[in-house]
Amino acid sequence: MGLGISIAAPVGPIGVLCIQRTLKKGFPSGFFSGLGAATADLLYGSLAGFGALWLGNHLVQIQTPLRLVGGSILVLMGVRAFLQKEQQAANTGKSRGLAGDYFSTFLLTLTNPITIFSFAAVYGGLGLGSAETSTWQMGLLVLGVFVGSVAWWLTLSSLVALLRGRFKPQFYKVINKIAGVVLVGFGVSLLLALLK
Protein backbone atom coordinates (compact mmCIF):
# COMPACT_ATOMS: atom_id res chain seq x y z
CA MET A 1 0.00 0.00 0.00
CA GLY A 2 2.91 2.32 0.79
CA LEU A 3 4.30 1.66 -2.65
CA GLY A 4 0.94 2.50 -4.22
CA ILE A 5 0.77 5.79 -2.32
CA SER A 6 4.36 6.68 -3.27
CA ILE A 7 3.61 6.04 -6.96
CA ALA A 8 0.39 8.08 -6.94
CA ALA A 9 1.39 10.93 -4.63
CA PRO A 10 3.86 12.96 -6.75
CA VAL A 11 1.84 15.77 -8.29
CA GLY A 12 1.84 15.35 -12.05
CA PRO A 13 -0.73 16.03 -14.76
CA ILE A 14 -3.19 13.50 -13.31
CA GLY A 15 -2.94 15.09 -9.87
CA VAL A 16 -3.60 18.51 -11.38
CA LEU A 17 -6.63 17.16 -13.26
CA CYS A 18 -7.93 15.49 -10.11
CA ILE A 19 -7.65 18.72 -8.10
CA GLN A 20 -9.19 20.83 -10.88
CA ARG A 21 -12.12 18.46 -11.40
CA THR A 22 -12.77 18.17 -7.66
CA LEU A 23 -12.87 21.96 -7.33
CA LYS A 24 -15.08 22.38 -10.37
CA LYS A 25 -17.46 19.41 -10.20
CA GLY A 26 -17.06 17.96 -6.72
CA PHE A 27 -15.61 14.94 -4.94
CA PRO A 28 -17.00 12.18 -7.23
CA SER A 29 -15.40 13.70 -10.34
CA GLY A 30 -12.00 14.09 -8.70
CA PHE A 31 -12.07 10.64 -7.14
CA PHE A 32 -13.11 8.88 -10.36
CA SER A 33 -10.32 10.74 -12.18
CA GLY A 34 -7.82 9.38 -9.66
CA LEU A 35 -9.41 5.94 -9.85
CA GLY A 36 -8.72 5.85 -13.59
CA ALA A 37 -5.02 6.50 -12.94
CA ALA A 38 -4.97 3.87 -10.18
CA THR A 39 -6.50 1.31 -12.56
CA ALA A 40 -3.82 2.00 -15.17
CA ASP A 41 -1.16 1.58 -12.46
CA LEU A 42 -2.83 -1.70 -11.48
CA LEU A 43 -2.61 -2.89 -15.08
CA TYR A 44 1.07 -1.97 -15.48
CA GLY A 45 1.91 -3.25 -11.98
CA SER A 46 0.27 -6.59 -12.81
CA LEU A 47 2.13 -6.88 -16.11
CA ALA A 48 5.45 -6.19 -14.41
CA GLY A 49 4.68 -8.37 -11.41
CA PHE A 50 3.55 -11.42 -13.31
CA GLY A 51 6.46 -11.36 -15.72
CA ALA A 52 4.72 -10.15 -18.86
CA LEU A 53 7.73 -8.03 -19.77
CA TRP A 54 7.42 -9.06 -23.40
CA LEU A 55 4.33 -6.84 -23.53
CA GLY A 56 6.30 -4.09 -21.84
CA ASN A 57 8.94 -4.35 -24.56
CA HIS A 58 6.27 -4.01 -27.23
CA LEU A 59 4.82 -0.98 -25.44
CA VAL A 60 8.22 0.69 -25.35
CA GLN A 61 8.59 0.08 -29.09
CA ILE A 62 5.45 2.15 -29.67
CA GLN A 63 6.20 4.72 -26.95
CA THR A 64 6.69 7.50 -29.54
CA PRO A 65 3.07 7.47 -30.78
CA LEU A 66 1.82 6.89 -27.22
CA ARG A 67 3.73 9.91 -25.92
CA LEU A 68 2.71 11.97 -28.94
CA VAL A 69 -0.97 11.27 -28.23
CA GLY A 70 -0.59 11.78 -24.46
CA GLY A 71 1.37 15.03 -24.85
CA SER A 72 -1.07 16.40 -27.41
CA ILE A 73 -4.08 15.60 -25.20
CA LEU A 74 -2.43 17.30 -22.21
CA VAL A 75 -1.70 20.42 -24.26
CA LEU A 76 -5.30 20.55 -25.54
CA MET A 77 -6.75 20.05 -22.06
CA GLY A 78 -4.42 22.72 -20.69
CA VAL A 79 -5.33 25.26 -23.37
CA ARG A 80 -9.03 24.53 -22.84
CA ALA A 81 -8.73 25.02 -19.06
CA PHE A 82 -6.70 28.22 -19.48
CA LEU A 83 -9.17 29.80 -21.91
CA GLN A 84 -12.32 29.03 -19.91
CA LYS A 85 -14.34 32.08 -19.01
CA GLU A 86 -15.08 32.88 -15.37
CA GLN A 87 -18.69 31.63 -15.56
CA GLN A 88 -17.56 28.33 -17.10
CA ALA A 89 -14.70 27.96 -14.61
CA ALA A 90 -17.04 28.41 -11.66
CA ASN A 91 -19.81 26.29 -13.18
CA THR A 92 -20.13 23.13 -11.13
CA GLY A 93 -22.52 21.42 -13.50
CA LYS A 94 -21.42 18.12 -14.95
CA SER A 95 -19.93 18.64 -18.38
CA ARG A 96 -19.29 14.92 -18.66
CA GLY A 97 -20.15 11.88 -16.62
CA LEU A 98 -17.99 10.06 -14.12
CA ALA A 99 -17.17 7.44 -16.76
CA GLY A 100 -15.62 10.20 -18.90
CA ASP A 101 -13.53 11.40 -15.96
CA TYR A 102 -12.41 7.83 -15.22
CA PHE A 103 -11.50 6.81 -18.76
CA SER A 104 -9.75 10.07 -19.65
CA THR A 105 -7.21 9.68 -16.82
CA PHE A 106 -6.97 5.91 -17.38
CA LEU A 107 -5.97 6.46 -21.01
CA LEU A 108 -3.66 9.37 -20.17
CA THR A 109 -1.83 7.23 -17.61
CA LEU A 110 -1.49 4.41 -20.14
CA THR A 111 0.36 6.76 -22.52
CA ASN A 112 3.43 6.38 -20.28
CA PRO A 113 4.59 2.77 -20.93
CA ILE A 114 7.82 3.36 -18.97
CA THR A 115 5.68 2.88 -15.85
CA ILE A 116 5.86 -0.87 -16.32
CA PHE A 117 9.64 -0.78 -15.98
CA SER A 118 9.36 1.36 -12.84
CA PHE A 119 7.23 -1.37 -11.30
CA ALA A 120 9.63 -4.06 -12.50
CA ALA A 121 12.60 -2.20 -10.96
CA VAL A 122 10.82 -1.75 -7.61
CA TYR A 123 9.70 -5.38 -7.54
CA GLY A 124 13.23 -6.50 -8.35
CA GLY A 125 14.63 -4.26 -5.60
CA LEU A 126 12.26 -5.91 -3.13
CA GLY A 127 13.49 -9.34 -4.27
CA LEU A 128 10.11 -10.23 -5.70
CA GLY A 129 11.35 -11.27 -9.10
CA SER A 130 12.94 -14.42 -7.76
CA ALA A 131 11.62 -17.91 -8.29
CA GLU A 132 10.63 -18.17 -4.59
CA THR A 133 7.93 -15.52 -5.01
CA SER A 134 4.58 -17.24 -5.30
CA THR A 135 1.69 -16.13 -7.47
CA TRP A 136 -0.46 -15.27 -4.46
CA GLN A 137 2.33 -13.17 -2.91
CA MET A 138 2.69 -11.20 -6.14
CA GLY A 139 -1.09 -10.89 -6.35
CA LEU A 140 -1.22 -9.48 -2.81
CA LEU A 141 1.52 -6.98 -3.63
CA VAL A 142 -0.23 -5.79 -6.79
CA LEU A 143 -3.54 -5.54 -4.90
CA GLY A 144 -1.80 -3.60 -2.11
CA VAL A 145 -0.32 -1.16 -4.64
CA PHE A 146 -3.79 -0.60 -6.11
CA VAL A 147 -5.40 -0.10 -2.69
CA GLY A 148 -2.65 2.35 -1.69
CA SER A 149 -3.11 4.31 -4.90
CA VAL A 150 -6.89 4.44 -4.45
CA ALA A 151 -6.40 5.55 -0.82
CA TRP A 152 -4.24 8.45 -2.03
CA TRP A 153 -6.81 9.61 -4.60
CA LEU A 154 -9.59 9.28 -2.01
CA THR A 155 -7.61 11.40 0.47
CA LEU A 156 -6.66 14.05 -2.09
CA SER A 157 -10.20 14.36 -3.48
CA SER A 158 -11.69 14.52 0.02
CA LEU A 159 -9.31 17.26 1.20
CA VAL A 160 -9.86 19.36 -1.92
CA ALA A 161 -13.65 18.83 -1.69
CA LEU A 162 -13.60 20.13 1.90
CA LEU A 163 -12.08 23.39 0.68
CA ARG A 164 -14.32 23.63 -2.37
CA GLY A 165 -17.19 25.61 -0.84
CA ARG A 166 -14.91 28.26 0.66
CA PHE A 167 -13.78 29.76 -2.63
CA LYS A 168 -15.35 32.63 -4.54
CA PRO A 169 -16.17 32.14 -8.25
CA GLN A 170 -13.16 34.23 -9.32
CA PHE A 171 -10.87 31.72 -7.62
CA TYR A 172 -11.91 28.98 -10.04
CA LYS A 173 -10.76 31.08 -12.97
CA VAL A 174 -7.33 31.44 -11.35
CA ILE A 175 -7.19 27.69 -10.61
CA ASN A 176 -8.10 26.88 -14.22
CA LYS A 177 -5.38 29.19 -15.53
CA ILE A 178 -2.78 27.62 -13.24
CA ALA A 179 -3.97 24.12 -14.13
CA GLY A 180 -3.91 25.06 -17.81
CA VAL A 181 -0.31 26.26 -17.66
CA VAL A 182 0.79 23.18 -15.70
CA LEU A 183 -0.96 20.77 -18.08
CA VAL A 184 0.47 22.50 -21.16
CA GLY A 185 3.90 22.38 -19.50
CA PHE A 186 3.64 18.63 -18.90
CA GLY A 187 2.35 18.06 -22.43
CA VAL A 188 5.09 20.14 -24.06
CA SER A 189 7.79 18.40 -22.00
CA LEU A 190 6.39 15.04 -23.11
CA LEU A 191 6.45 16.15 -26.75
CA LEU A 192 9.95 17.66 -26.45
CA ALA A 193 11.24 14.36 -25.02
CA LEU A 194 10.40 12.80 -28.40
CA LEU A 195 13.06 14.99 -30.03
CA LYS A 196 15.86 13.50 -27.94
C-alpha atoms as a PDB file:
ATOM      1  CA  MET A   1       0.000   0.000   0.000  1.00  0.00           C
ATOM      2  CA  GLY A   2       2.909   2.317   0.792  1.00  0.00           C
ATOM      3  CA  LEU A   3       4.304   1.656  -2.650  1.00  0.00           C
ATOM      4  CA  GLY A   4       0.940   2.504  -4.224  1.00  0.00           C
ATOM      5  CA  ILE A   5       0.772   5.785  -2.316  1.00  0.00           C
ATOM      6  CA  SER A   6       4.357   6.680  -3.269  1.00  0.00           C
ATOM      7  CA  ILE A   7       3.615   6.042  -6.958  1.00  0.00           C
ATOM      8  CA  ALA A   8       0.389   8.078  -6.941  1.00  0.00           C
ATOM      9  CA  ALA A   9       1.393  10.935  -4.625  1.00  0.00           C
ATOM     10  CA  PRO A  10       3.858  12.958  -6.747  1.00  0.00           C
ATOM     11  CA  VAL A  11       1.844  15.773  -8.293  1.00  0.00           C
ATOM     12  CA  GLY A  12       1.842  15.353 -12.045  1.00  0.00           C
ATOM     13  CA  PRO A  13      -0.726  16.031 -14.755  1.00  0.00           C
ATOM     14  CA  ILE A  14      -3.186  13.499 -13.309  1.00  0.00           C
ATOM     15  CA  GLY A  15      -2.939  15.093  -9.865  1.00  0.00           C
ATOM     16  CA  VAL A  16      -3.600  18.512 -11.379  1.00  0.00           C
ATOM     17  CA  LEU A  17      -6.634  17.163 -13.260  1.00  0.00           C
ATOM     18  CA  CYS A  18      -7.930  15.485 -10.112  1.00  0.00           C
ATOM     19  CA  ILE A  19      -7.646  18.721  -8.104  1.00  0.00           C
ATOM     20  CA  GLN A  20      -9.193  20.828 -10.879  1.00  0.00           C
ATOM     21  CA  ARG A  21     -12.122  18.456 -11.399  1.00  0.00           C
ATOM     22  CA  THR A  22     -12.770  18.172  -7.656  1.00  0.00           C
ATOM     23  CA  LEU A  23     -12.873  21.964  -7.330  1.00  0.00           C
ATOM     24  CA  LYS A  24     -15.084  22.385 -10.371  1.00  0.00           C
ATOM     25  CA  LYS A  25     -17.458  19.414 -10.200  1.00  0.00           C
ATOM     26  CA  GLY A  26     -17.056  17.957  -6.719  1.00  0.00           C
ATOM     27  CA  PHE A  27     -15.611  14.940  -4.943  1.00  0.00           C
ATOM     28  CA  PRO A  28     -16.997  12.182  -7.229  1.00  0.00           C
ATOM     29  CA  SER A  29     -15.404  13.697 -10.341  1.00  0.00           C
ATOM     30  CA  GLY A  30     -12.001  14.087  -8.702  1.00  0.00           C
ATOM     31  CA  PHE A  31     -12.071  10.641  -7.140  1.00  0.00           C
ATOM     32  CA  PHE A  32     -13.105   8.883 -10.356  1.00  0.00           C
ATOM     33  CA  SER A  33     -10.322  10.737 -12.182  1.00  0.00           C
ATOM     34  CA  GLY A  34      -7.818   9.376  -9.661  1.00  0.00           C
ATOM     35  CA  LEU A  35      -9.406   5.938  -9.846  1.00  0.00           C
ATOM     36  CA  GLY A  36      -8.718   5.851 -13.587  1.00  0.00           C
ATOM     37  CA  ALA A  37      -5.022   6.496 -12.941  1.00  0.00           C
ATOM     38  CA  ALA A  38      -4.972   3.866 -10.177  1.00  0.00           C
ATOM     39  CA  THR A  39      -6.495   1.311 -12.558  1.00  0.00           C
ATOM     40  CA  ALA A  40      -3.817   1.998 -15.167  1.00  0.00           C
ATOM     41  CA  ASP A  41      -1.159   1.584 -12.463  1.00  0.00           C
ATOM     42  CA  LEU A  42      -2.825  -1.700 -11.478  1.00  0.00           C
ATOM     43  CA  LEU A  43      -2.606  -2.893 -15.084  1.00  0.00           C
ATOM     44  CA  TYR A  44       1.073  -1.969 -15.475  1.00  0.00           C
ATOM     45  CA  GLY A  45       1.910  -3.255 -11.982  1.00  0.00           C
ATOM     46  CA  SER A  46       0.274  -6.589 -12.813  1.00  0.00           C
ATOM     47  CA  LEU A  47       2.132  -6.883 -16.114  1.00  0.00           C
ATOM     48  CA  ALA A  48       5.451  -6.189 -14.413  1.00  0.00           C
ATOM     49  CA  GLY A  49       4.682  -8.370 -11.411  1.00  0.00           C
ATOM     50  CA  PHE A  50       3.547 -11.418 -13.309  1.00  0.00           C
ATOM     51  CA  GLY A  51       6.455 -11.360 -15.721  1.00  0.00           C
ATOM     52  CA  ALA A  52       4.717 -10.150 -18.858  1.00  0.00           C
ATOM     53  CA  LEU A  53       7.732  -8.032 -19.771  1.00  0.00           C
ATOM     54  CA  TRP A  54       7.422  -9.061 -23.402  1.00  0.00           C
ATOM     55  CA  LEU A  55       4.332  -6.842 -23.529  1.00  0.00           C
ATOM     56  CA  GLY A  56       6.302  -4.088 -21.844  1.00  0.00           C
ATOM     57  CA  ASN A  57       8.943  -4.349 -24.556  1.00  0.00           C
ATOM     58  CA  HIS A  58       6.271  -4.009 -27.230  1.00  0.00           C
ATOM     59  CA  LEU A  59       4.819  -0.981 -25.439  1.00  0.00           C
ATOM     60  CA  VAL A  60       8.221   0.695 -25.352  1.00  0.00           C
ATOM     61  CA  GLN A  61       8.589   0.084 -29.091  1.00  0.00           C
ATOM     62  CA  ILE A  62       5.449   2.154 -29.667  1.00  0.00           C
ATOM     63  CA  GLN A  63       6.201   4.717 -26.951  1.00  0.00           C
ATOM     64  CA  THR A  64       6.693   7.495 -29.536  1.00  0.00           C
ATOM     65  CA  PRO A  65       3.075   7.468 -30.777  1.00  0.00           C
ATOM     66  CA  LEU A  66       1.819   6.892 -27.221  1.00  0.00           C
ATOM     67  CA  ARG A  67       3.726   9.908 -25.917  1.00  0.00           C
ATOM     68  CA  LEU A  68       2.706  11.972 -28.939  1.00  0.00           C
ATOM     69  CA  VAL A  69      -0.971  11.271 -28.228  1.00  0.00           C
ATOM     70  CA  GLY A  70      -0.588  11.782 -24.464  1.00  0.00           C
ATOM     71  CA  GLY A  71       1.372  15.032 -24.851  1.00  0.00           C
ATOM     72  CA  SER A  72      -1.075  16.405 -27.407  1.00  0.00           C
ATOM     73  CA  ILE A  73      -4.077  15.604 -25.200  1.00  0.00           C
ATOM     74  CA  LEU A  74      -2.434  17.296 -22.205  1.00  0.00           C
ATOM     75  CA  VAL A  75      -1.700  20.419 -24.259  1.00  0.00           C
ATOM     76  CA  LEU A  76      -5.298  20.554 -25.542  1.00  0.00           C
ATOM     77  CA  MET A  77      -6.748  20.046 -22.060  1.00  0.00           C
ATOM     78  CA  GLY A  78      -4.415  22.725 -20.689  1.00  0.00           C
ATOM     79  CA  VAL A  79      -5.334  25.259 -23.369  1.00  0.00           C
ATOM     80  CA  ARG A  80      -9.029  24.534 -22.843  1.00  0.00           C
ATOM     81  CA  ALA A  81      -8.732  25.018 -19.064  1.00  0.00           C
ATOM     82  CA  PHE A  82      -6.698  28.217 -19.482  1.00  0.00           C
ATOM     83  CA  LEU A  83      -9.171  29.797 -21.906  1.00  0.00           C
ATOM     84  CA  GLN A  84     -12.322  29.027 -19.913  1.00  0.00           C
ATOM     85  CA  LYS A  85     -14.343  32.081 -19.011  1.00  0.00           C
ATOM     86  CA  GLU A  86     -15.082  32.877 -15.375  1.00  0.00           C
ATOM     87  CA  GLN A  87     -18.688  31.634 -15.564  1.00  0.00           C
ATOM     88  CA  GLN A  88     -17.557  28.326 -17.096  1.00  0.00           C
ATOM     89  CA  ALA A  89     -14.695  27.961 -14.613  1.00  0.00           C
ATOM     90  CA  ALA A  90     -17.043  28.406 -11.658  1.00  0.00           C
ATOM     91  CA  ASN A  91     -19.810  26.288 -13.177  1.00  0.00           C
ATOM     92  CA  THR A  92     -20.126  23.126 -11.125  1.00  0.00           C
ATOM     93  CA  GLY A  93     -22.524  21.425 -13.504  1.00  0.00           C
ATOM     94  CA  LYS A  94     -21.416  18.123 -14.952  1.00  0.00           C
ATOM     95  CA  SER A  95     -19.930  18.639 -18.383  1.00  0.00           C
ATOM     96  CA  ARG A  96     -19.291  14.921 -18.655  1.00  0.00           C
ATOM     97  CA  GLY A  97     -20.153  11.883 -16.616  1.00  0.00           C
ATOM     98  CA  LEU A  98     -17.992  10.059 -14.120  1.00  0.00           C
ATOM     99  CA  ALA A  99     -17.173   7.445 -16.764  1.00  0.00           C
ATOM    100  CA  GLY A 100     -15.620  10.195 -18.903  1.00  0.00           C
ATOM    101  CA  ASP A 101     -13.534  11.397 -15.955  1.00  0.00           C
ATOM    102  CA  TYR A 102     -12.409   7.835 -15.221  1.00  0.00           C
ATOM    103  CA  PHE A 103     -11.495   6.810 -18.759  1.00  0.00           C
ATOM    104  CA  SER A 104      -9.747  10.069 -19.650  1.00  0.00           C
ATOM    105  CA  THR A 105      -7.215   9.675 -16.821  1.00  0.00           C
ATOM    106  CA  PHE A 106      -6.973   5.912 -17.378  1.00  0.00           C
ATOM    107  CA  LEU A 107      -5.973   6.458 -21.012  1.00  0.00           C
ATOM    108  CA  LEU A 108      -3.657   9.370 -20.173  1.00  0.00           C
ATOM    109  CA  THR A 109      -1.825   7.229 -17.607  1.00  0.00           C
ATOM    110  CA  LEU A 110      -1.487   4.408 -20.142  1.00  0.00           C
ATOM    111  CA  THR A 111       0.364   6.756 -22.518  1.00  0.00           C
ATOM    112  CA  ASN A 112       3.433   6.380 -20.283  1.00  0.00           C
ATOM    113  CA  PRO A 113       4.594   2.773 -20.925  1.00  0.00           C
ATOM    114  CA  ILE A 114       7.818   3.361 -18.972  1.00  0.00           C
ATOM    115  CA  THR A 115       5.679   2.881 -15.850  1.00  0.00           C
ATOM    116  CA  ILE A 116       5.859  -0.874 -16.322  1.00  0.00           C
ATOM    117  CA  PHE A 117       9.641  -0.782 -15.976  1.00  0.00           C
ATOM    118  CA  SER A 118       9.359   1.364 -12.843  1.00  0.00           C
ATOM    119  CA  PHE A 119       7.234  -1.368 -11.304  1.00  0.00           C
ATOM    120  CA  ALA A 120       9.629  -4.060 -12.496  1.00  0.00           C
ATOM    121  CA  ALA A 121      12.596  -2.199 -10.960  1.00  0.00           C
ATOM    122  CA  VAL A 122      10.822  -1.752  -7.614  1.00  0.00           C
ATOM    123  CA  TYR A 123       9.701  -5.376  -7.543  1.00  0.00           C
ATOM    124  CA  GLY A 124      13.226  -6.500  -8.349  1.00  0.00           C
ATOM    125  CA  GLY A 125      14.627  -4.257  -5.604  1.00  0.00           C
ATOM    126  CA  LEU A 126      12.262  -5.908  -3.133  1.00  0.00           C
ATOM    127  CA  GLY A 127      13.489  -9.335  -4.266  1.00  0.00           C
ATOM    128  CA  LEU A 128      10.106 -10.228  -5.700  1.00  0.00           C
ATOM    129  CA  GLY A 129      11.352 -11.270  -9.097  1.00  0.00           C
ATOM    130  CA  SER A 130      12.941 -14.417  -7.757  1.00  0.00           C
ATOM    131  CA  ALA A 131      11.615 -17.906  -8.285  1.00  0.00           C
ATOM    132  CA  GLU A 132      10.633 -18.165  -4.593  1.00  0.00           C
ATOM    133  CA  THR A 133       7.934 -15.520  -5.008  1.00  0.00           C
ATOM    134  CA  SER A 134       4.578 -17.237  -5.305  1.00  0.00           C
ATOM    135  CA  THR A 135       1.688 -16.127  -7.470  1.00  0.00           C
ATOM    136  CA  TRP A 136      -0.464 -15.275  -4.458  1.00  0.00           C
ATOM    137  CA  GLN A 137       2.331 -13.171  -2.914  1.00  0.00           C
ATOM    138  CA  MET A 138       2.689 -11.197  -6.138  1.00  0.00           C
ATOM    139  CA  GLY A 139      -1.087 -10.889  -6.346  1.00  0.00           C
ATOM    140  CA  LEU A 140      -1.219  -9.482  -2.813  1.00  0.00           C
ATOM    141  CA  LEU A 141       1.524  -6.983  -3.634  1.00  0.00           C
ATOM    142  CA  VAL A 142      -0.234  -5.790  -6.791  1.00  0.00           C
ATOM    143  CA  LEU A 143      -3.536  -5.537  -4.897  1.00  0.00           C
ATOM    144  CA  GLY A 144      -1.797  -3.600  -2.110  1.00  0.00           C
ATOM    145  CA  VAL A 145      -0.319  -1.163  -4.645  1.00  0.00           C
ATOM    146  CA  PHE A 146      -3.785  -0.604  -6.107  1.00  0.00           C
ATOM    147  CA  VAL A 147      -5.400  -0.105  -2.685  1.00  0.00           C
ATOM    148  CA  GLY A 148      -2.652   2.353  -1.691  1.00  0.00           C
ATOM    149  CA  SER A 149      -3.112   4.312  -4.899  1.00  0.00           C
ATOM    150  CA  VAL A 150      -6.893   4.435  -4.447  1.00  0.00           C
ATOM    151  CA  ALA A 151      -6.400   5.549  -0.821  1.00  0.00           C
ATOM    152  CA  TRP A 152      -4.236   8.449  -2.025  1.00  0.00           C
ATOM    153  CA  TRP A 153      -6.807   9.614  -4.596  1.00  0.00           C
ATOM    154  CA  LEU A 154      -9.590   9.275  -2.014  1.00  0.00           C
ATOM    155  CA  THR A 155      -7.615  11.400   0.471  1.00  0.00           C
ATOM    156  CA  LEU A 156      -6.660  14.053  -2.089  1.00  0.00           C
ATOM    157  CA  SER A 157     -10.197  14.362  -3.479  1.00  0.00           C
ATOM    158  CA  SER A 158     -11.687  14.520   0.023  1.00  0.00           C
ATOM    159  CA  LEU A 159      -9.314  17.260   1.196  1.00  0.00           C
ATOM    160  CA  VAL A 160      -9.863  19.360  -1.919  1.00  0.00           C
ATOM    161  CA  ALA A 161     -13.648  18.828  -1.692  1.00  0.00           C
ATOM    162  CA  LEU A 162     -13.604  20.130   1.903  1.00  0.00           C
ATOM    163  CA  LEU A 163     -12.084  23.392   0.675  1.00  0.00           C
ATOM    164  CA  ARG A 164     -14.316  23.633  -2.372  1.00  0.00           C
ATOM    165  CA  GLY A 165     -17.191  25.612  -0.841  1.00  0.00           C
ATOM    166  CA  ARG A 166     -14.913  28.255   0.656  1.00  0.00           C
ATOM    167  CA  PHE A 167     -13.775  29.756  -2.630  1.00  0.00           C
ATOM    168  CA  LYS A 168     -15.354  32.625  -4.545  1.00  0.00           C
ATOM    169  CA  PRO A 169     -16.172  32.137  -8.248  1.00  0.00           C
ATOM    170  CA  GLN A 170     -13.158  34.228  -9.325  1.00  0.00           C
ATOM    171  CA  PHE A 171     -10.867  31.716  -7.616  1.00  0.00           C
ATOM    172  CA  TYR A 172     -11.911  28.982 -10.039  1.00  0.00           C
ATOM    173  CA  LYS A 173     -10.762  31.075 -12.965  1.00  0.00           C
ATOM    174  CA  VAL A 174      -7.325  31.437 -11.349  1.00  0.00           C
ATOM    175  CA  ILE A 175      -7.191  27.691 -10.613  1.00  0.00           C
ATOM    176  CA  ASN A 176      -8.103  26.880 -14.223  1.00  0.00           C
ATOM    177  CA  LYS A 177      -5.382  29.192 -15.531  1.00  0.00           C
ATOM    178  CA  ILE A 178      -2.779  27.624 -13.237  1.00  0.00           C
ATOM    179  CA  ALA A 179      -3.968  24.116 -14.131  1.00  0.00           C
ATOM    180  CA  GLY A 180      -3.911  25.057 -17.811  1.00  0.00           C
ATOM    181  CA  VAL A 181      -0.312  26.262 -17.657  1.00  0.00           C
ATOM    182  CA  VAL A 182       0.788  23.175 -15.703  1.00  0.00           C
ATOM    183  CA  LEU A 183      -0.963  20.768 -18.083  1.00  0.00           C
ATOM    184  CA  VAL A 184       0.475  22.504 -21.157  1.00  0.00           C
ATOM    185  CA  GLY A 185       3.903  22.375 -19.505  1.00  0.00           C
ATOM    186  CA  PHE A 186       3.643  18.626 -18.896  1.00  0.00           C
ATOM    187  CA  GLY A 187       2.347  18.065 -22.429  1.00  0.00           C
ATOM    188  CA  VAL A 188       5.086  20.138 -24.061  1.00  0.00           C
ATOM    189  CA  SER A 189       7.795  18.399 -21.998  1.00  0.00           C
ATOM    190  CA  LEU A 190       6.391  15.036 -23.106  1.00  0.00           C
ATOM    191  CA  LEU A 191       6.454  16.146 -26.747  1.00  0.00           C
ATOM    192  CA  LEU A 192       9.951  17.660 -26.449  1.00  0.00           C
ATOM    193  CA  ALA A 193      11.236  14.358 -25.024  1.00  0.00           C
ATOM    194  CA  LEU A 194      10.398  12.797 -28.397  1.00  0.00           C
ATOM    195  CA  LEU A 195      13.063  14.994 -30.034  1.00  0.00           C
ATOM    196  CA  LYS A 196      15.862  13.499 -27.938  1.00  0.00           C
END
